[in-house]
PDB file of N, CA and C in Angstrom:
ATOM      1  N   MET A   1      33.402  91.208 -13.109  1.00  0.00           N
ATOM      2  CA  MET A   1      33.646  90.154 -14.084  1.00  0.00           C
ATOM      3  C   MET A   1      35.127  90.150 -14.447  1.00  0.00           C
ATOM      4  N   ALA A   2      35.586  89.015 -14.922  1.00  0.00           N
ATOM      5  CA  ALA A   2      36.976  88.852 -15.346  1.00  0.00           C
ATOM      6  C   ALA A   2      37.063  89.103 -16.849  1.00  0.00           C
ATOM      7  N   ARG A   3      37.998  89.947 -17.248  1.00  0.00           N
ATOM      8  CA  ARG A   3      38.129  90.266 -18.670  1.00  0.00           C
ATOM      9  C   ARG A   3      38.591  89.046 -19.456  1.00  0.00           C
ATOM     10  N   THR A   4      38.187  89.006 -20.717  1.00  0.00           N
ATOM     11  CA  THR A   4      38.410  87.861 -21.597  1.00  0.00           C
ATOM     12  C   THR A   4      39.326  88.259 -22.746  1.00  0.00           C
ATOM     13  N   PHE A   5      40.181  87.316 -23.157  1.00  0.00           N
ATOM     14  CA  PHE A   5      41.119  87.547 -24.243  1.00  0.00           C
ATOM     15  C   PHE A   5      41.070  86.354 -25.183  1.00  0.00           C
ATOM     16  N   PHE A   6      40.956  86.588 -26.480  1.00  0.00           N
ATOM     17  CA  PHE A   6      40.973  85.524 -27.477  1.00  0.00           C
ATOM     18  C   PHE A   6      42.383  85.445 -28.054  1.00  0.00           C
ATOM     19  N   VAL A   7      42.980  84.272 -28.019  1.00  0.00           N
ATOM     20  CA  VAL A   7      44.329  84.075 -28.549  1.00  0.00           C
ATOM     21  C   VAL A   7      44.235  83.157 -29.769  1.00  0.00           C
ATOM     22  N   VAL A   8      44.753  83.633 -30.896  1.00  0.00           N
ATOM     23  CA  VAL A   8      44.709  82.869 -32.139  1.00  0.00           C
ATOM     24  C   VAL A   8      46.141  82.586 -32.580  1.00  0.00           C
ATOM     25  N   GLY A   9      46.447  81.297 -32.746  1.00  0.00           N
ATOM     26  CA  GLY A   9      47.759  80.902 -33.256  1.00  0.00           C
ATOM     27  C   GLY A   9      47.823  81.092 -34.753  1.00  0.00           C
ATOM     28  N   THR A  10      48.918  81.672 -35.231  1.00  0.00           N
ATOM     29  CA  THR A  10      49.040  81.976 -36.658  1.00  0.00           C
ATOM     30  C   THR A  10      49.914  80.985 -37.418  1.00  0.00           C
ATOM     31  N   ASP A  11      50.425  79.977 -36.734  1.00  0.00           N
ATOM     32  CA  ASP A  11      51.360  79.047 -37.375  1.00  0.00           C
ATOM     33  C   ASP A  11      50.702  77.767 -37.883  1.00  0.00           C
ATOM     34  N   HIS A  12      49.544  77.897 -38.483  1.00  0.00           N
ATOM     35  CA  HIS A  12      48.909  76.773 -39.169  1.00  0.00           C
ATOM     36  C   HIS A  12      48.106  77.326 -40.338  1.00  0.00           C
ATOM     37  N   PRO A  13      47.845  76.519 -41.338  1.00  0.00           N
ATOM     38  CA  PRO A  13      47.264  77.017 -42.592  1.00  0.00           C
ATOM     39  C   PRO A  13      45.884  77.667 -42.484  1.00  0.00           C
ATOM     40  N   ASP A  14      45.045  77.229 -41.565  1.00  0.00           N
ATOM     41  CA  ASP A  14      43.667  77.729 -41.496  1.00  0.00           C
ATOM     42  C   ASP A  14      43.441  78.741 -40.380  1.00  0.00           C
ATOM     43  N   TYR A  15      44.494  79.416 -39.956  1.00  0.00           N
ATOM     44  CA  TYR A  15      44.340  80.307 -38.808  1.00  0.00           C
ATOM     45  C   TYR A  15      43.387  81.471 -39.094  1.00  0.00           C
ATOM     46  N   GLU A  16      43.268  81.889 -40.344  1.00  0.00           N
ATOM     47  CA  GLU A  16      42.382  83.013 -40.678  1.00  0.00           C
ATOM     48  C   GLU A  16      40.924  82.695 -40.322  1.00  0.00           C
ATOM     49  N   ARG A  17      40.527  81.464 -40.507  1.00  0.00           N
ATOM     50  CA  ARG A  17      39.154  81.073 -40.162  1.00  0.00           C
ATOM     51  C   ARG A  17      38.948  81.161 -38.651  1.00  0.00           C
ATOM     52  N   ASN A  18      39.919  80.663 -37.889  1.00  0.00           N
ATOM     53  CA  ASN A  18      39.824  80.739 -36.433  1.00  0.00           C
ATOM     54  C   ASN A  18      39.827  82.193 -35.968  1.00  0.00           C
ATOM     55  N   LYS A  19      40.650  83.011 -36.623  1.00  0.00           N
ATOM     56  CA  LYS A  19      40.714  84.435 -36.282  1.00  0.00           C
ATOM     57  C   LYS A  19      39.370  85.114 -36.557  1.00  0.00           C
ATOM     58  N   ALA A  20      38.738  84.780 -37.665  1.00  0.00           N
ATOM     59  CA  ALA A  20      37.445  85.372 -38.004  1.00  0.00           C
ATOM     60  C   ALA A  20      36.395  85.037 -36.944  1.00  0.00           C
ATOM     61  N   LEU A  21      36.381  83.790 -36.490  1.00  0.00           N
ATOM     62  CA  LEU A  21      35.425  83.397 -35.456  1.00  0.00           C
ATOM     63  C   LEU A  21      35.720  84.121 -34.142  1.00  0.00           C
ATOM     64  N   ALA A  22      36.982  84.149 -33.741  1.00  0.00           N
ATOM     65  CA  ALA A  22      37.353  84.834 -32.502  1.00  0.00           C
ATOM     66  C   ALA A  22      36.984  86.311 -32.572  1.00  0.00           C
ATOM     67  N   THR A  23      37.199  86.930 -33.713  1.00  0.00           N
ATOM     68  CA  THR A  23      36.871  88.344 -33.888  1.00  0.00           C
ATOM     69  C   THR A  23      35.362  88.566 -33.802  1.00  0.00           C
ATOM     70  N   GLU A  24      34.604  87.696 -34.446  1.00  0.00           N
ATOM     71  CA  GLU A  24      33.139  87.791 -34.383  1.00  0.00           C
ATOM     72  C   GLU A  24      32.645  87.675 -32.942  1.00  0.00           C
ATOM     73  N   LEU A  25      33.170  86.700 -32.207  1.00  0.00           N
ATOM     74  CA  LEU A  25      32.740  86.511 -30.817  1.00  0.00           C
ATOM     75  C   LEU A  25      33.194  87.680 -29.942  1.00  0.00           C
ATOM     76  N   HIS A  26      34.368  88.216 -30.214  1.00  0.00           N
ATOM     77  CA  HIS A  26      34.845  89.405 -29.483  1.00  0.00           C
ATOM     78  C   HIS A  26      33.855  90.553 -29.639  1.00  0.00           C
ATOM     79  N   TYR A  27      33.458  90.855 -30.886  1.00  0.00           N
ATOM     80  CA  TYR A  27      32.535  91.966 -31.118  1.00  0.00           C
ATOM     81  C   TYR A  27      31.171  91.714 -30.484  1.00  0.00           C
ATOM     82  N   ARG A  28      30.705  90.496 -30.546  1.00  0.00           N
ATOM     83  CA  ARG A  28      29.415  90.165 -29.920  1.00  0.00           C
ATOM     84  C   ARG A  28      29.491  90.323 -28.404  1.00  0.00           C
ATOM     85  N   LEU A  29      30.593  89.880 -27.833  1.00  0.00           N
ATOM     86  CA  LEU A  29      30.782  90.016 -26.388  1.00  0.00           C
ATOM     87  C   LEU A  29      30.825  91.490 -26.001  1.00  0.00           C
ATOM     88  N   GLU A  30      31.506  92.295 -26.795  1.00  0.00           N
ATOM     89  CA  GLU A  30      31.592  93.726 -26.519  1.00  0.00           C
ATOM     90  C   GLU A  30      30.246  94.418 -26.661  1.00  0.00           C
ATOM     91  N   ASP A  31      29.428  93.967 -27.604  1.00  0.00           N
ATOM     92  CA  ASP A  31      28.100  94.551 -27.768  1.00  0.00           C
ATOM     93  C   ASP A  31      27.233  94.321 -26.534  1.00  0.00           C
ATOM     94  N   GLU A  32      27.286  93.113 -25.997  1.00  0.00           N
ATOM     95  CA  GLU A  32      26.442  92.755 -24.851  1.00  0.00           C
ATOM     96  C   GLU A  32      27.058  93.141 -23.503  1.00  0.00           C
ATOM     97  N   TYR A  33      28.380  93.070 -23.418  1.00  0.00           N
ATOM     98  CA  TYR A  33      29.086  93.322 -22.162  1.00  0.00           C
ATOM     99  C   TYR A  33      30.290  94.225 -22.440  1.00  0.00           C
ATOM    100  N   PRO A  34      30.054  95.523 -22.635  1.00  0.00           N
ATOM    101  CA  PRO A  34      31.149  96.431 -22.994  1.00  0.00           C
ATOM    102  C   PRO A  34      32.309  96.374 -22.000  1.00  0.00           C
ATOM    103  N   GLY A  35      33.509  96.257 -22.551  1.00  0.00           N
ATOM    104  CA  GLY A  35      34.714  96.219 -21.734  1.00  0.00           C
ATOM    105  C   GLY A  35      35.125  94.848 -21.259  1.00  0.00           C
ATOM    106  N   LEU A  36      34.284  93.838 -21.485  1.00  0.00           N
ATOM    107  CA  LEU A  36      34.614  92.489 -21.003  1.00  0.00           C
ATOM    108  C   LEU A  36      35.722  91.844 -21.833  1.00  0.00           C
ATOM    109  N   SER A  37      35.702  92.053 -23.133  1.00  0.00           N
ATOM    110  CA  SER A  37      36.715  91.441 -23.994  1.00  0.00           C
ATOM    111  C   SER A  37      37.893  92.391 -24.189  1.00  0.00           C
ATOM    112  N   ARG A  38      39.075  91.827 -24.091  1.00  0.00           N
ATOM    113  CA  ARG A  38      40.287  92.603 -24.344  1.00  0.00           C
ATOM    114  C   ARG A  38      40.694  92.535 -25.811  1.00  0.00           C
ATOM    115  N   GLY A  39      39.978  91.731 -26.611  1.00  0.00           N
ATOM    116  CA  GLY A  39      40.252  91.660 -28.028  1.00  0.00           C
ATOM    117  C   GLY A  39      40.805  90.320 -28.463  1.00  0.00           C
ATOM    118  N   VAL A  40      41.383  90.320 -29.666  1.00  0.00           N
ATOM    119  CA  VAL A  40      41.942  89.119 -30.276  1.00  0.00           C
ATOM    120  C   VAL A  40      43.446  89.326 -30.432  1.00  0.00           C
ATOM    121  N   LEU A  41      44.207  88.419 -29.880  1.00  0.00           N
ATOM    122  CA  LEU A  41      45.664  88.487 -29.951  1.00  0.00           C
ATOM    123  C   LEU A  41      46.157  87.380 -30.873  1.00  0.00           C
ATOM    124  N   GLU A  42      46.923  87.739 -31.883  1.00  0.00           N
ATOM    125  CA  GLU A  42      47.524  86.761 -32.774  1.00  0.00           C
ATOM    126  C   GLU A  42      48.927  86.432 -32.259  1.00  0.00           C
ATOM    127  N   ARG A  43      49.201  85.121 -32.129  1.00  0.00           N
ATOM    128  CA  ARG A  43      50.510  84.679 -31.639  1.00  0.00           C
ATOM    129  C   ARG A  43      51.091  83.670 -32.611  1.00  0.00           C
ATOM    130  N   GLY A  44      52.357  83.875 -32.956  1.00  0.00           N
ATOM    131  CA  GLY A  44      53.034  82.950 -33.848  1.00  0.00           C
ATOM    132  C   GLY A  44      54.477  83.344 -34.022  1.00  0.00           C
ATOM    133  N   GLY A  45      55.180  82.528 -34.773  1.00  0.00           N
ATOM    134  CA  GLY A  45      56.578  82.818 -35.044  1.00  0.00           C
ATOM    135  C   GLY A  45      57.521  82.156 -34.070  1.00  0.00           C
ATOM    136  N   ALA A  46      58.781  82.467 -34.214  1.00  0.00           N
ATOM    137  CA  ALA A  46      59.824  81.870 -33.382  1.00  0.00           C
ATOM    138  C   ALA A  46      59.615  82.210 -31.911  1.00  0.00           C
ATOM    139  N   GLY A  47      59.861  81.222 -31.072  1.00  0.00           N
ATOM    140  CA  GLY A  47      59.790  81.434 -29.633  1.00  0.00           C
ATOM    141  C   GLY A  47      58.407  81.328 -29.021  1.00  0.00           C
ATOM    142  N   THR A  48      57.423  80.918 -29.791  1.00  0.00           N
ATOM    143  CA  THR A  48      56.079  80.764 -29.242  1.00  0.00           C
ATOM    144  C   THR A  48      55.401  79.557 -29.879  1.00  0.00           C
ATOM    145  N   ASN A  49      54.398  79.044 -29.201  1.00  0.00           N
ATOM    146  CA  ASN A  49      53.579  77.984 -29.774  1.00  0.00           C
ATOM    147  C   ASN A  49      52.512  78.673 -30.603  1.00  0.00           C
ATOM    148  N   GLY A  50      52.721  78.760 -31.881  1.00  0.00           N
ATOM    149  CA  GLY A  50      51.792  79.490 -32.736  1.00  0.00           C
ATOM    150  C   GLY A  50      50.665  78.648 -33.278  1.00  0.00           C
ATOM    151  N   VAL A  51      50.408  77.503 -32.650  1.00  0.00           N
ATOM    152  CA  VAL A  51      49.332  76.632 -33.123  1.00  0.00           C
ATOM    153  C   VAL A  51      48.253  76.480 -32.047  1.00  0.00           C
ATOM    154  N   PHE A  52      48.632  76.218 -30.812  1.00  0.00           N
ATOM    155  CA  PHE A  52      47.701  76.057 -29.694  1.00  0.00           C
ATOM    156  C   PHE A  52      46.621  75.017 -29.979  1.00  0.00           C
ATOM    157  N   ASN A  53      46.964  73.987 -30.733  1.00  0.00           N
ATOM    158  CA  ASN A  53      46.037  72.919 -31.132  1.00  0.00           C
ATOM    159  C   ASN A  53      44.878  73.431 -31.976  1.00  0.00           C
ATOM    160  N   GLN A  54      44.965  74.639 -32.481  1.00  0.00           N
ATOM    161  CA  GLN A  54      43.889  75.210 -33.272  1.00  0.00           C
ATOM    162  C   GLN A  54      43.860  74.650 -34.690  1.00  0.00           C
ATOM    163  N   ASP A  55      44.848  73.856 -35.016  1.00  0.00           N
ATOM    164  CA  ASP A  55      44.852  73.181 -36.314  1.00  0.00           C
ATOM    165  C   ASP A  55      43.978  71.930 -36.296  1.00  0.00           C
ATOM    166  N   LEU A  56      43.488  71.550 -35.125  1.00  0.00           N
ATOM    167  CA  LEU A  56      42.704  70.325 -34.977  1.00  0.00           C
ATOM    168  C   LEU A  56      41.235  70.508 -35.344  1.00  0.00           C
ATOM    169  N   SER A  57      40.765  71.745 -35.342  1.00  0.00           N
ATOM    170  CA  SER A  57      39.359  72.019 -35.641  1.00  0.00           C
ATOM    171  C   SER A  57      39.250  73.391 -36.296  1.00  0.00           C
ATOM    172  N   PRO A  58      38.350  73.541 -37.247  1.00  0.00           N
ATOM    173  CA  PRO A  58      38.226  74.836 -37.917  1.00  0.00           C
ATOM    174  C   PRO A  58      37.653  75.942 -37.025  1.00  0.00           C
ATOM    175  N   ASN A  59      37.130  75.601 -35.874  1.00  0.00           N
ATOM    176  CA  ASN A  59      36.556  76.610 -34.980  1.00  0.00           C
ATOM    177  C   ASN A  59      37.237  76.628 -33.614  1.00  0.00           C
ATOM    178  N   ALA A  60      38.469  76.175 -33.558  1.00  0.00           N
ATOM    179  CA  ALA A  60      39.169  76.111 -32.284  1.00  0.00           C
ATOM    180  C   ALA A  60      39.756  77.470 -31.921  1.00  0.00           C
ATOM    181  N   MET A  61      39.771  77.753 -30.624  1.00  0.00           N
ATOM    182  CA  MET A  61      40.408  78.985 -30.165  1.00  0.00           C
ATOM    183  C   MET A  61      40.809  78.836 -28.704  1.00  0.00           C
ATOM    184  N   LEU A  62      41.716  79.677 -28.296  1.00  0.00           N
ATOM    185  CA  LEU A  62      42.157  79.735 -26.909  1.00  0.00           C
ATOM    186  C   LEU A  62      41.510  80.971 -26.295  1.00  0.00           C
ATOM    187  N   ILE A  63      40.811  80.773 -25.200  1.00  0.00           N
ATOM    188  CA  ILE A  63      40.129  81.882 -24.535  1.00  0.00           C
ATOM    189  C   ILE A  63      40.708  81.995 -23.132  1.00  0.00           C
ATOM    190  N   GLU A  64      41.287  83.136 -22.847  1.00  0.00           N
ATOM    191  CA  GLU A  64      41.837  83.382 -21.519  1.00  0.00           C
ATOM    192  C   GLU A  64      40.881  84.285 -20.764  1.00  0.00           C
ATOM    193  N   MET A  65      40.586  83.896 -19.534  1.00  0.00           N
ATOM    194  CA  MET A  65      39.674  84.690 -18.711  1.00  0.00           C
ATOM    195  C   MET A  65      40.358  85.061 -17.413  1.00  0.00           C
ATOM    196  N   GLY A  66      40.367  86.348 -17.146  1.00  0.00           N
ATOM    197  CA  GLY A  66      40.835  86.839 -15.870  1.00  0.00           C
ATOM    198  C   GLY A  66      42.324  86.711 -15.639  1.00  0.00           C
ATOM    199  N   GLY A  67      42.691  86.967 -14.416  1.00  0.00           N
ATOM    200  CA  GLY A  67      44.083  86.907 -13.994  1.00  0.00           C
ATOM    201  C   GLY A  67      44.163  86.628 -12.507  1.00  0.00           C
ATOM    202  N   ILE A  68      45.324  86.865 -11.946  1.00  0.00           N
ATOM    203  CA  ILE A  68      45.552  86.504 -10.544  1.00  0.00           C
ATOM    204  C   ILE A  68      44.705  87.316  -9.563  1.00  0.00           C
ATOM    205  N   ASP A  69      44.220  88.461  -9.991  1.00  0.00           N
ATOM    206  CA  ASP A  69      43.425  89.311  -9.100  1.00  0.00           C
ATOM    207  C   ASP A  69      41.925  89.027  -9.165  1.00  0.00           C
ATOM    208  N   ASN A  70      41.508  88.121 -10.033  1.00  0.00           N
ATOM    209  CA  ASN A  70      40.088  87.816 -10.167  1.00  0.00           C
ATOM    210  C   ASN A  70      39.663  86.693  -9.239  1.00  0.00           C
ATOM    211  N   THR A  71      38.410  86.766  -8.801  1.00  0.00           N
ATOM    212  CA  THR A  71      37.848  85.721  -7.956  1.00  0.00           C
ATOM    213  C   THR A  71      37.177  84.668  -8.837  1.00  0.00           C
ATOM    214  N   PHE A  72      36.881  83.521  -8.235  1.00  0.00           N
ATOM    215  CA  PHE A  72      36.165  82.485  -8.974  1.00  0.00           C
ATOM    216  C   PHE A  72      34.773  82.969  -9.381  1.00  0.00           C
ATOM    217  N   ASP A  73      34.141  83.769  -8.546  1.00  0.00           N
ATOM    218  CA  ASP A  73      32.822  84.309  -8.896  1.00  0.00           C
ATOM    219  C   ASP A  73      32.914  85.183 -10.147  1.00  0.00           C
ATOM    220  N   GLU A  74      33.941  86.009 -10.226  1.00  0.00           N
ATOM    221  CA  GLU A  74      34.132  86.856 -11.408  1.00  0.00           C
ATOM    222  C   GLU A  74      34.376  85.998 -12.647  1.00  0.00           C
ATOM    223  N   LEU A  75      35.196  84.969 -12.502  1.00  0.00           N
ATOM    224  CA  LEU A  75      35.470  84.071 -13.625  1.00  0.00           C
ATOM    225  C   LEU A  75      34.204  83.342 -14.069  1.00  0.00           C
ATOM    226  N   ASN A  76      33.424  82.880 -13.112  1.00  0.00           N
ATOM    227  CA  ASN A  76      32.176  82.177 -13.443  1.00  0.00           C
ATOM    228  C   ASN A  76      31.189  83.096 -14.152  1.00  0.00           C
ATOM    229  N   ARG A  77      31.084  84.358 -13.708  1.00  0.00           N
ATOM    230  CA  ARG A  77      30.180  85.299 -14.380  1.00  0.00           C
ATOM    231  C   ARG A  77      30.638  85.559 -15.811  1.00  0.00           C
ATOM    232  N   SER A  78      31.940  85.664 -16.015  1.00  0.00           N
ATOM    233  CA  SER A  78      32.467  85.866 -17.370  1.00  0.00           C
ATOM    234  C   SER A  78      32.209  84.649 -18.245  1.00  0.00           C
ATOM    235  N   ALA A  79      32.397  83.465 -17.673  1.00  0.00           N
ATOM    236  CA  ALA A  79      32.145  82.237 -18.433  1.00  0.00           C
ATOM    237  C   ALA A  79      30.671  82.136 -18.821  1.00  0.00           C
ATOM    238  N   GLU A  80      29.780  82.499 -17.915  1.00  0.00           N
ATOM    239  CA  GLU A  80      28.352  82.478 -18.219  1.00  0.00           C
ATOM    240  C   GLU A  80      28.010  83.488 -19.309  1.00  0.00           C
ATOM    241  N   ALA A  81      28.601  84.675 -19.250  1.00  0.00           N
ATOM    242  CA  ALA A  81      28.361  85.692 -20.278  1.00  0.00           C
ATOM    243  C   ALA A  81      28.852  85.194 -21.625  1.00  0.00           C
ATOM    244  N   PHE A  82      30.048  84.619 -21.647  1.00  0.00           N
ATOM    245  CA  PHE A  82      30.592  84.108 -22.897  1.00  0.00           C
ATOM    246  C   PHE A  82      29.722  82.973 -23.441  1.00  0.00           C
ATOM    247  N   ALA A  83      29.236  82.124 -22.553  1.00  0.00           N
ATOM    248  CA  ALA A  83      28.389  81.004 -22.977  1.00  0.00           C
ATOM    249  C   ALA A  83      27.110  81.496 -23.655  1.00  0.00           C
ATOM    250  N   THR A  84      26.526  82.563 -23.167  1.00  0.00           N
ATOM    251  CA  THR A  84      25.307  83.084 -23.808  1.00  0.00           C
ATOM    252  C   THR A  84      25.612  83.606 -25.210  1.00  0.00           C
ATOM    253  N   ILE A  85      26.779  84.212 -25.374  1.00  0.00           N
ATOM    254  CA  ILE A  85      27.187  84.730 -26.682  1.00  0.00           C
ATOM    255  C   ILE A  85      27.407  83.567 -27.653  1.00  0.00           C
ATOM    256  N   VAL A  86      28.118  82.546 -27.205  1.00  0.00           N
ATOM    257  CA  VAL A  86      28.392  81.384 -28.056  1.00  0.00           C
ATOM    258  C   VAL A  86      27.103  80.650 -28.399  1.00  0.00           C
ATOM    259  N   GLU A  87      26.223  80.518 -27.430  1.00  0.00           N
ATOM    260  CA  GLU A  87      24.947  79.844 -27.678  1.00  0.00           C
ATOM    261  C   GLU A  87      24.166  80.552 -28.782  1.00  0.00           C
ATOM    262  N   THR A  88      24.056  81.859 -28.698  1.00  0.00           N
ATOM    263  CA  THR A  88      23.349  82.630 -29.726  1.00  0.00           C
ATOM    264  C   THR A  88      24.017  82.450 -31.083  1.00  0.00           C
ATOM    265  N   TYR A  89      25.336  82.515 -31.108  1.00  0.00           N
ATOM    266  CA  TYR A  89      26.076  82.358 -32.364  1.00  0.00           C
ATOM    267  C   TYR A  89      25.807  80.988 -32.989  1.00  0.00           C
ATOM    268  N   ILE A  90      25.867  79.943 -32.187  1.00  0.00           N
ATOM    269  CA  ILE A  90      25.658  78.586 -32.698  1.00  0.00           C
ATOM    270  C   ILE A  90      24.242  78.427 -33.256  1.00  0.00           C
ATOM    271  N   TYR A  91      23.244  78.912 -32.524  1.00  0.00           N
ATOM    272  CA  TYR A  91      21.872  78.805 -33.015  1.00  0.00           C
ATOM    273  C   TYR A  91      21.685  79.566 -34.324  1.00  0.00           C
ATOM    274  N   GLU A  92      22.308  80.722 -34.453  1.00  0.00           N
ATOM    275  CA  GLU A  92      22.225  81.475 -35.708  1.00  0.00           C
ATOM    276  C   GLU A  92      22.865  80.700 -36.857  1.00  0.00           C
ATOM    277  N   GLN A  93      23.996  80.061 -36.593  1.00  0.00           N
ATOM    278  CA  GLN A  93      24.672  79.274 -37.620  1.00  0.00           C
ATOM    279  C   GLN A  93      23.811  78.089 -38.048  1.00  0.00           C
ATOM    280  N   LEU A  94      23.172  77.436 -37.094  1.00  0.00           N
ATOM    281  CA  LEU A  94      22.300  76.305 -37.410  1.00  0.00           C
ATOM    282  C   LEU A  94      21.087  76.751 -38.228  1.00  0.00           C
ATOM    283  N   GLU A  95      20.520  77.886 -37.885  1.00  0.00           N
ATOM    284  CA  GLU A  95      19.376  78.404 -38.648  1.00  0.00           C
ATOM    285  C   GLU A  95      19.783  78.729 -40.081  1.00  0.00           C
ATOM    286  N   GLU A  96      20.979  79.291 -40.257  1.00  0.00           N
ATOM    287  CA  GLU A  96      21.467  79.579 -41.612  1.00  0.00           C
ATOM    288  C   GLU A  96      21.638  78.312 -42.419  1.00  0.00           C
ATOM    289  N   GLU A  97      22.182  77.262 -41.773  1.00  0.00           N
ATOM    290  CA  GLU A  97      22.373  75.977 -42.472  1.00  0.00           C
ATOM    291  C   GLU A  97      21.032  75.362 -42.870  1.00  0.00           C
ATOM    292  N   GLU A  98      20.036  75.490 -42.012  1.00  0.00           N
ATOM    293  CA  GLU A  98      18.707  74.944 -42.329  1.00  0.00           C
ATOM    294  C   GLU A  98      18.064  75.690 -43.492  1.00  0.00           C
ATOM    295  N   GLY A  99      18.369  76.995 -43.607  1.00  0.00           N
ATOM    296  CA  GLY A  99      17.788  77.802 -44.658  1.00  0.00           C
ATOM    297  C   GLY A  99      18.432  77.583 -46.025  1.00  0.00           C
ATOM    298  N   GLU A 100      19.558  76.938 -46.045  1.00  0.00           N
ATOM    299  CA  GLU A 100      20.263  76.706 -47.330  1.00  0.00           C
ATOM    300  C   GLU A 100      19.665  75.589 -48.122  1.00  0.00           C
TER     301      GLU A 100
END
């Protein structure tokens, strides 16, 4: 599988919310697929794009998968693993909203 990295831009007012979501998904990914996630990287300040369009949505994030040494099969397996994690997270959020 291709390792995954969550990148959170810090140069917008609501970045903490995006960081919290990325961190939650990182831990969930690590629970199910140990070693797959490389963690959450915060990027901002001079010389970088510290927004990454993450100011457009409260749940936006940049997810990097793999590198030059990974195959498409490895990338696809990582994407499928991540999709199962996100699917579970979304369903849990919807159930919480229904219970309110």
